[in-house]
C-alpha atoms as a PDB file:
ATOM      1  CA  MET A   1    -188.608 202.760-123.883  1.00  0.00           C
ATOM      2  CA  ALA A   2    -189.289 203.365-119.733  1.00  0.00           C
ATOM      3  CA  ASN A   3    -188.176 206.550-118.590  1.00  0.00           C
ATOM      4  CA  THR A   4    -186.010 206.906-115.711  1.00  0.00           C
ATOM      5  CA  GLN A   5    -185.745 208.812-112.456  1.00  0.00           C
ATOM      6  CA  THR A   6    -184.200 209.072-109.395  1.00  0.00           C
ATOM      7  CA  THR A   7    -185.259 208.979-105.729  1.00  0.00           C
ATOM      8  CA  ALA A   8    -183.692 209.603-102.262  1.00  0.00           C
ATOM      9  CA  ASN A   9    -184.888 206.458-100.516  1.00  0.00           C
ATOM     10  CA  HIS A  10    -184.731 203.735-103.571  1.00  0.00           C
ATOM     11  CA  GLY A  11    -181.837 205.437-106.231  1.00  0.00           C
ATOM     12  CA  THR A  12    -183.271 204.577-109.838  1.00  0.00           C
ATOM     13  CA  THR A  13    -186.803 203.230-110.808  1.00  0.00           C
ATOM     14  CA  HIS A  14    -188.222 202.924-114.061  1.00  0.00           C
ATOM     15  CA  ALA A  15    -191.666 203.861-114.602  1.00  0.00           C
ATOM     16  CA  GLY A  16    -193.850 201.313-116.425  1.00  0.00           C
ATOM     17  CA  ARG A  17    -194.824 200.787-120.180  1.00  0.00           C
ATOM     18  CA  ARG A  18    -198.538 202.106-121.477  1.00  0.00           C
ATOM     19  CA  ILE A  19    -199.967 198.936-122.065  1.00  0.00           C
ATOM     20  CA  SER A  20    -203.720 198.333-123.988  1.00  0.00           C
ATOM     21  CA  THR A  21    -206.064 195.402-123.941  1.00  0.00           C
ATOM     22  CA  GLU A  22    -207.881 195.303-126.817  1.00  0.00           C
ATOM     23  CA  THR A  23    -210.981 196.589-125.355  1.00  0.00           C
ATOM     24  CA  LYS A  24    -212.880 196.062-122.074  1.00  0.00           C
ATOM     25  CA  ALA A  25    -213.369 192.603-120.464  1.00  0.00           C
ATOM     26  CA  SER A  26    -217.071 192.190-121.820  1.00  0.00           C
ATOM     27  CA  PHE A  27    -218.272 191.211-117.979  1.00  0.00           C
ATOM     28  CA  LYS A  28    -217.329 195.215-117.553  1.00  0.00           C
ATOM     29  CA  THR A  29    -219.780 196.155-119.989  1.00  0.00           C
ATOM     30  CA  THR A  30    -223.049 197.314-119.825  1.00  0.00           C
ATOM     31  CA  GLU A  31    -224.223 195.388-123.131  1.00  0.00           C
ATOM     32  CA  LEU A  32    -223.846 191.920-121.176  1.00  0.00           C
ATOM     33  CA  ILE A  33    -226.273 193.442-118.534  1.00  0.00           C
ATOM     34  CA  ALA A  34    -228.762 194.515-120.932  1.00  0.00           C
ATOM     35  CA  TYR A  35    -228.201 190.902-122.932  1.00  0.00           C
ATOM     36  CA  VAL A  36    -228.642 189.368-119.589  1.00  0.00           C
ATOM     37  CA  VAL A  37    -231.966 190.695-119.205  1.00  0.00           C
ATOM     38  CA  ALA A  38    -233.686 190.597-122.132  1.00  0.00           C
ATOM     39  CA  VAL A  39    -233.114 186.845-122.180  1.00  0.00           C
ATOM     40  CA  ILE A  40    -234.240 186.488-119.596  1.00  0.00           C
ATOM     41  CA  GLY A  41    -237.167 188.928-120.011  1.00  0.00           C
ATOM     42  CA  VAL A  42    -237.465 186.128-122.937  1.00  0.00           C
ATOM     43  CA  LEU A  43    -237.720 183.540-120.854  1.00  0.00           C
ATOM     44  CA  VAL A  44    -240.323 184.690-118.142  1.00  0.00           C
ATOM     45  CA  ALA A  45    -242.473 185.844-121.170  1.00  0.00           C
ATOM     46  CA  SER A  46    -242.111 182.650-122.628  1.00  0.00           C
ATOM     47  CA  ALA A  47    -243.195 180.841-119.033  1.00  0.00           C
ATOM     48  CA  ILE A  48    -246.216 182.874-118.627  1.00  0.00           C
ATOM     49  CA  VAL A  49    -248.037 183.690-122.145  1.00  0.00           C
ATOM     50  CA  ASP A  50    -249.517 180.754-123.048  1.00  0.00           C
ATOM     51  CA  ALA A  51    -247.760 178.172-125.169  1.00  0.00           C
ATOM     52  CA  SER A  52    -249.901 178.729-128.535  1.00  0.00           C
ATOM     53  CA  ASP A  53    -249.311 182.729-128.517  1.00  0.00           C
ATOM     54  CA  PHE A  54    -245.178 182.586-127.702  1.00  0.00           C
ATOM     55  CA  GLY A  55    -243.826 179.163-127.052  1.00  0.00           C
ATOM     56  CA  ALA A  56    -240.139 177.882-126.328  1.00  0.00           C
ATOM     57  CA  GLN A  57    -239.349 177.689-129.895  1.00  0.00           C
ATOM     58  CA  GLU A  58    -240.065 181.293-130.346  1.00  0.00           C
ATOM     59  CA  ALA A  59    -238.041 181.996-127.143  1.00  0.00           C
ATOM     60  CA  TRP A  60    -235.174 180.542-128.252  1.00  0.00           C
ATOM     61  CA  TYR A  61    -235.266 182.168-131.602  1.00  0.00           C
ATOM     62  CA  TYR A  62    -235.260 185.492-130.610  1.00  0.00           C
ATOM     63  CA  ILE A  63    -233.006 184.248-127.854  1.00  0.00           C
ATOM     64  CA  THR A  64    -230.979 183.410-130.855  1.00  0.00           C
ATOM     65  CA  LEU A  65    -231.363 186.713-132.133  1.00  0.00           C
ATOM     66  CA  LEU A  66    -230.218 188.553-129.406  1.00  0.00           C
ATOM     67  CA  THR A  67    -227.198 186.254-128.760  1.00  0.00           C
ATOM     68  CA  ILE A  68    -226.324 187.226-132.706  1.00  0.00           C
ATOM     69  CA  GLY A  69    -226.978 191.113-131.856  1.00  0.00           C
ATOM     70  CA  TYR A  70    -224.902 191.034-129.198  1.00  0.00           C
ATOM     71  CA  MET A  71    -222.273 189.302-130.732  1.00  0.00           C
ATOM     72  CA  ILE A  72    -221.994 191.965-133.194  1.00  0.00           C
ATOM     73  CA  SER A  73    -222.381 194.447-130.883  1.00  0.00           C
ATOM     74  CA  ARG A  74    -219.006 193.304-129.059  1.00  0.00           C
ATOM     75  CA  GLY A  75    -217.605 192.424-132.197  1.00  0.00           C
ATOM     76  CA  LEU A  76    -217.905 196.230-132.852  1.00  0.00           C
ATOM     77  CA  ALA A  77    -216.843 197.693-129.553  1.00  0.00           C
ATOM     78  CA  LYS A  78    -213.117 195.658-130.475  1.00  0.00           C
ATOM     79  CA  SER A  79    -212.098 196.755-133.284  1.00  0.00           C
ATOM     80  CA  GLY A  80    -209.986 199.869-133.509  1.00  0.00           C
ATOM     81  CA  SER A  81    -210.613 200.684-130.013  1.00  0.00           C
ATOM     82  CA  ARG A  82    -208.156 199.995-126.953  1.00  0.00           C
ATOM     83  CA  ASP A  83    -208.685 199.955-122.794  1.00  0.00           C
ATOM     84  CA  PHE A  84    -205.290 201.570-121.341  1.00  0.00           C
ATOM     85  CA  TYR A  85    -203.400 200.723-118.528  1.00  0.00           C
ATOM     86  CA  ASP A  86    -199.697 201.050-116.902  1.00  0.00           C
ATOM     87  CA  ASP A  87    -197.595 198.953-116.350  1.00  0.00           C
ATOM     88  CA  VAL A  88    -195.730 200.296-113.030  1.00  0.00           C
ATOM     89  CA  PRO A  89    -194.788 198.043-110.380  1.00  0.00           C
ATOM     90  CA  ASP A  90    -195.317 198.337-107.174  1.00  0.00           C
ATOM     91  CA  ASN A  91    -192.659 199.447-104.887  1.00  0.00           C
ATOM     92  CA  ASP A  92    -194.631 201.008-102.123  1.00  0.00           C
ATOM     93  CA  ALA A  93    -195.898 197.397-101.748  1.00  0.00           C
ATOM     94  CA  ARG A  94    -196.044 196.252 -97.913  1.00  0.00           C
ATOM     95  CA  HIS A  95    -195.701 192.576 -96.750  1.00  0.00           C
END
């Protein structure tokens, strides 16, 4: 239910609704940054180190584990959290 208020210049206006998304977008989180840095670190390490010690197979195994961890952390972040915003029309917009 929207609240109603009266202004001198515009007559009656309606306040916006309070809306929420499930959680923040993934590209706005530090989890994504940490994940990307970790994946790049694993790839760089596998390229620098001798293949007999740490090769491509081990690198992709660790990247898979990082991906599983990232997906679990995003799932936990989404469960029960909300990112609130107001659905307010911009009455003062200049065209």
